[in-house]
Amino acid sequence: MKLIQAVLLGGGYATTIPVIARFRRVVHERRWRWLAVHHLGVAALIAAFVQRGSRPAVAVNSAWLIIASCWWILGSRRRVESPV
């Protein structure tokens, strides 16, 4: 069980950290494949923390998954320039 957790954590962090470092660019340029990889990585982290029984880590990572999704959705809206 600890091996599975280690693999999930290692893979999760290895895929999410590079995407988070460029997240503004991912949203701005609509890189949906990067977002999908990010979401898979966060899901792996959540699964590992569920197995560990770490509720705070599950809550934080779940909240980030929701925030990142909302950021992506809202990032697609264009700003309307004021006529003034």
Protein backbone atom coordinates (compact mmCIF):
# COMPACT_ATOMS: atom_id res chain seq x y z
CA MET A 1 0.00 0.00 0.00
CA LYS A 2 2.85 2.40 0.78
CA LEU A 3 4.37 1.70 -2.63
CA ILE A 4 1.12 2.73 -4.34
CA GLN A 5 0.99 5.91 -2.25
CA ALA A 6 4.59 6.72 -3.14
CA VAL A 7 3.95 6.20 -6.84
CA LEU A 8 0.78 8.32 -6.73
CA LEU A 9 2.52 11.11 -4.81
CA GLY A 10 5.63 11.05 -6.99
CA GLY A 11 3.67 11.03 -10.22
CA GLY A 12 1.17 13.57 -8.94
CA TYR A 13 3.76 16.10 -7.87
CA ALA A 14 5.88 15.49 -10.97
CA THR A 15 2.96 16.37 -13.24
CA THR A 16 1.31 19.17 -11.27
CA ILE A 17 4.25 21.35 -10.24
CA PRO A 18 5.43 22.17 -13.80
CA VAL A 19 1.87 23.01 -14.85
CA ILE A 20 1.20 25.15 -11.76
CA ALA A 21 4.42 27.06 -12.44
CA ARG A 22 2.96 28.06 -15.82
CA PHE A 23 -0.71 28.11 -14.91
CA ARG A 24 -1.43 31.67 -16.02
CA ARG A 25 -0.01 30.82 -19.44
CA VAL A 26 -1.99 27.55 -19.53
CA VAL A 27 -5.22 29.46 -18.89
CA HIS A 28 -4.40 32.38 -21.19
CA GLU A 29 -3.32 30.19 -24.11
CA ARG A 30 -6.13 27.66 -23.47
CA ARG A 31 -3.76 24.69 -23.20
CA TRP A 32 -6.40 22.11 -22.39
CA ARG A 33 -3.98 19.15 -22.61
CA TRP A 34 -1.81 20.72 -19.93
CA LEU A 35 -4.92 21.26 -17.82
CA ALA A 36 -5.90 17.61 -18.28
CA VAL A 37 -2.43 16.46 -17.18
CA HIS A 38 -2.65 18.81 -14.19
CA HIS A 39 -6.06 17.43 -13.21
CA LEU A 40 -4.82 13.84 -13.49
CA GLY A 41 -1.86 14.71 -11.27
CA VAL A 42 -4.05 16.36 -8.66
CA ALA A 43 -6.42 13.37 -8.76
CA ALA A 44 -3.42 11.10 -8.09
CA LEU A 45 -2.42 13.26 -5.12
CA ILE A 46 -5.95 13.16 -3.75
CA ALA A 47 -6.06 9.37 -4.11
CA ALA A 48 -2.76 9.02 -2.26
CA PHE A 49 -3.90 11.25 0.58
CA VAL A 50 -7.23 9.41 0.82
CA GLN A 51 -5.28 6.16 1.25
CA ARG A 52 -3.17 7.79 3.95
CA GLY A 53 -6.26 9.10 5.70
CA SER A 54 -5.01 12.68 5.59
CA ARG A 55 -8.23 14.70 5.48
CA PRO A 56 -6.57 18.16 5.48
CA ALA A 57 -4.42 17.24 2.45
CA VAL A 58 -7.46 15.82 0.65
CA ALA A 59 -9.39 19.03 1.37
CA VAL A 60 -6.58 21.33 0.20
CA ASN A 61 -5.94 19.42 -3.02
CA SER A 62 -9.66 19.04 -3.75
CA ALA A 63 -10.13 22.77 -3.22
CA TRP A 64 -7.24 23.51 -5.58
CA LEU A 65 -8.77 21.22 -8.22
CA ILE A 66 -12.03 23.20 -8.02
CA ILE A 67 -10.21 26.56 -8.02
CA ALA A 68 -8.08 25.58 -11.03
CA SER A 69 -11.17 24.44 -12.92
CA CYS A 70 -13.01 27.68 -12.16
CA TRP A 71 -9.93 29.71 -13.14
CA TRP A 72 -9.82 27.83 -16.46
CA ILE A 73 -13.54 28.41 -17.12
CA LEU A 74 -13.46 32.08 -16.16
CA GLY A 75 -10.19 32.60 -18.01
CA SER A 76 -11.96 31.96 -21.29
CA ARG A 77 -14.09 35.07 -20.88
CA ARG A 78 -12.74 38.08 -22.71
CA ARG A 79 -12.60 41.44 -21.02
CA VAL A 80 -14.89 44.01 -22.53
CA GLU A 81 -13.15 47.32 -23.08
CA SER A 82 -14.85 50.34 -21.61
CA PRO A 83 -15.88 52.94 -24.22
CA VAL A 84 -14.64 55.74 -21.95
